[in-house]
């Protein structure tokens, strides 16, 4: 069995680089609990190692950096113990979010090479890194409304920091975005051609890294800048979010989530991207749409630490509810795309049902010590 995460240390001109390669290309590098623990363990070891100046995170294969968490494993855990506790799923979320928090707060520069599919948990990893590269093939989405989950892994943080109402719109519709959108929305820092990956890694090994993290962040920026500003190579793909931002803001302008859902699902448009976004919400769970929107509202002023504490609470409650298992069944297991959602429309969902997802299911939050 190949290692789920390839962990290596390479010597640069001065100092060393730690490298983490997600290594499950057959599952598009989807994260398992084992992979989360391997990443966390390596980061913990390198944090206080003076020889390690910077870290690189990438994925095996050409198709994906990471397509998210291993949803089949989460489904088995959720459906195996209806009402919970769902031991594997709840443990996975707690450790994954802890790892995400450590990425966001890591003192040393971390480069994420976000090539290909970057979804769900993969976006959580990339968003937490201090230096994020996207390529001409990058395709990003948080498609959780389609399986009755929510944009977690810090989504409550980075979606709330996007321009205008774009975060709310992407969360509700599962809309897919590209490299240009990632730069506009603050999900990425540099656009570099995919074919330049090995040259970038070689350039990083040619750096004389220092003992000071601030200086090393500058070295990382300088190295990546030289590639992102180079002439030739593929052009940045046409943006999708920025040209539609006025429409997005209008669709999402409202305090009543039911009205917002109505405006999006009843949108008449010839625009392919907007139409696909609309159809994502039409298909998705209307119960999930409500907890997604409520989560974004409740965390709009939260600290990063509070965000992950609130996400693990919501994630735990979702695992214990049958809506998630049904969403995964319809989309990924039976693939009939005919989910029997608990409620036909958003207005049919009782307020107390939504409230229940925002009530702590335990006496102590598993991330209380962040």
Foldseek 3Di string as FASTA:
>chain_A
DDDQWDWDWAAFPAAIEIEIEREDVVQLSADALSSLVVLVVVLVVLLPDLRHQEYEYAYPDQAFRYQYHPLVLLLCQLVVFALDPSVRQLVSLLSLLVSLVCLQVRLAAYEYEGEHEQEQSSLLNLQSGPAYEYEQRYKYWHLCLLLLAWRASCLLPLLLQFPANVSLLRGLQRFIWGPVVCCRRVSHDAYAHPVCVVVLVNQLSHDNGDSDRVVNVVVNCVSRVVRRPDDDDDDRDDGDCVVCVVVSNVLQPDPDLQSSLVSLLVDDDPDPRSVSSNVSNLLGALLSSVLNVVLSVVCSPPDSLVRSLQSSLLSSVSSNHCSNSQSCCCCPNVVVSDGPHPDNHNVVDDPVVSVVSRDGPDPDRSSPPD
